[in-house]
């Protein structure tokens, strides 16, 4: 959910979106650093919180064994994993049921 201002009307609006499920590595950043450059990490999970890697606080950086990266193409390439192609289909049609279910529970 996101509050934004409409481009045409300038009025506030509530954006409800569903982007699917992300894959999280089971190995921490510490165990992956020998094969993966730190620049490859974008989003990470730290104690069940989603954070951008570049925004990790000092406390979190001292506990890198608890920081798990979200899968992305850069990490996949660094680990020589077979990569999938990005989904170019209409996301609205694909996730309309999820969005409608969420809306109906409000």
Protein backbone atom coordinates (compact mmCIF):
# COMPACT_ATOMS: atom_id res chain seq x y z
CA UNK A 1 0.00 0.00 0.00
CA UNK A 2 1.22 3.46 -0.81
CA UNK A 3 -0.25 6.93 -0.54
CA UNK A 4 0.58 9.12 -3.52
CA UNK A 5 -0.67 12.22 -5.27
CA UNK A 6 -2.46 11.77 -8.58
CA UNK A 7 -0.61 13.12 -11.60
CA UNK A 8 -3.68 14.61 -13.24
CA UNK A 9 -5.85 15.71 -10.31
CA UNK A 10 -3.14 16.30 -7.70
CA UNK A 11 -5.42 14.69 -5.12
CA UNK A 12 -4.16 12.02 -2.71
CA UNK A 13 -4.85 8.43 -3.67
CA UNK A 14 -4.20 5.03 -2.17
CA UNK A 15 -2.25 2.63 -4.39
CA UNK A 16 -2.75 -1.06 -3.66
CA UNK A 17 -0.36 -3.33 -5.53
CA UNK A 18 0.77 -6.93 -5.42
CA UNK A 19 4.16 -7.80 -6.86
CA UNK A 20 4.30 -11.50 -6.09
CA UNK A 21 6.68 -13.40 -3.85
CA UNK A 22 10.41 -12.74 -3.57
CA UNK A 23 13.01 -15.46 -3.11
CA UNK A 24 15.27 -15.14 -0.08
CA UNK A 25 18.58 -16.99 0.16
CA UNK A 26 18.95 -19.32 3.14
CA UNK A 27 22.63 -18.41 3.39
CA UNK A 28 23.59 -15.17 5.07
CA UNK A 29 25.57 -12.44 3.38
CA UNK A 30 28.65 -13.51 5.38
CA UNK A 31 28.67 -16.96 3.79
CA UNK A 32 28.14 -15.52 0.29
CA UNK A 33 30.73 -12.72 0.36
CA UNK A 34 33.54 -14.94 -0.91
CA UNK A 35 31.64 -15.45 -4.20
CA UNK A 36 29.37 -12.41 -4.40
CA UNK A 37 30.48 -8.78 -4.45
CA UNK A 38 28.71 -6.51 -1.92
CA UNK A 39 27.53 -4.35 -4.83
CA UNK A 40 25.32 -7.26 -5.96
CA UNK A 41 23.20 -7.11 -2.81
CA UNK A 42 20.19 -4.83 -3.07
CA UNK A 43 17.34 -5.85 -0.75
CA UNK A 44 18.01 -7.97 2.33
CA UNK A 45 16.12 -9.46 5.27
CA UNK A 46 17.34 -8.74 8.80
CA UNK A 47 15.28 -10.18 11.66
CA UNK A 48 12.17 -10.39 9.48
CA UNK A 49 12.56 -6.79 8.24
CA UNK A 50 13.04 -5.89 4.58
CA UNK A 51 15.86 -3.34 4.20
CA UNK A 52 17.99 -2.04 1.36
CA UNK A 53 21.55 -3.31 1.76
CA UNK A 54 22.99 0.20 1.50
CA UNK A 55 20.78 1.31 4.43
CA UNK A 56 22.07 -1.27 6.93
CA UNK A 57 22.80 0.38 10.27
CA UNK A 58 26.03 -0.24 12.22
CA UNK A 59 24.20 -2.68 14.50
CA UNK A 60 22.99 -4.67 11.51
CA UNK A 61 26.41 -4.60 9.87
CA UNK A 62 27.89 -6.17 13.02
CA UNK A 63 25.38 -9.01 12.64
CA UNK A 64 25.79 -9.89 8.97
CA UNK A 65 25.25 -13.55 9.81
CA UNK A 66 21.58 -12.54 10.35
CA UNK A 67 21.29 -10.66 7.03
CA UNK A 68 19.86 -12.70 4.16
CA UNK A 69 19.84 -11.35 0.59
CA UNK A 70 16.80 -11.28 -1.68
CA UNK A 71 17.42 -13.06 -4.98
CA UNK A 72 18.32 -10.83 -7.93
CA UNK A 73 20.01 -11.28 -11.31
CA UNK A 74 23.38 -9.90 -10.13
CA UNK A 75 23.61 -12.47 -7.33
CA UNK A 76 22.45 -15.20 -9.68
CA UNK A 77 25.18 -14.28 -12.18
CA UNK A 78 27.87 -14.15 -9.47
CA UNK A 79 26.89 -17.65 -8.30
CA UNK A 80 26.61 -18.94 -11.90
CA UNK A 81 23.01 -19.94 -11.32
CA UNK A 82 20.72 -20.41 -14.28
CA UNK A 83 18.79 -17.20 -14.57
CA UNK A 84 15.19 -16.80 -15.49
CA UNK A 85 13.87 -14.15 -17.81
CA UNK A 86 11.95 -11.26 -16.24
CA UNK A 87 8.19 -11.59 -16.45
CA UNK A 88 6.91 -9.13 -19.06
CA UNK A 89 3.25 -10.15 -18.85
CA UNK A 90 0.49 -7.87 -17.58
CA UNK A 91 0.90 -7.95 -13.79
CA UNK A 92 -2.55 -6.51 -13.18
CA UNK A 93 -4.29 -9.41 -14.88
CA UNK A 94 -2.02 -11.88 -13.14
CA UNK A 95 -2.54 -10.54 -9.61
CA UNK A 96 -6.04 -9.02 -9.85
CA UNK A 97 -7.50 -11.72 -7.59
CA UNK A 98 -4.92 -11.00 -4.84
CA UNK A 99 -5.61 -7.27 -5.02
CA UNK A 100 -9.38 -7.79 -5.03
CA UNK A 101 -9.19 -10.18 -2.06
CA UNK A 102 -7.16 -7.62 -0.12
CA UNK A 103 -9.61 -4.83 -1.01
CA UNK A 104 -12.60 -6.95 0.01
CA UNK A 105 -11.14 -7.57 3.48
CA UNK A 106 -10.81 -3.82 4.25
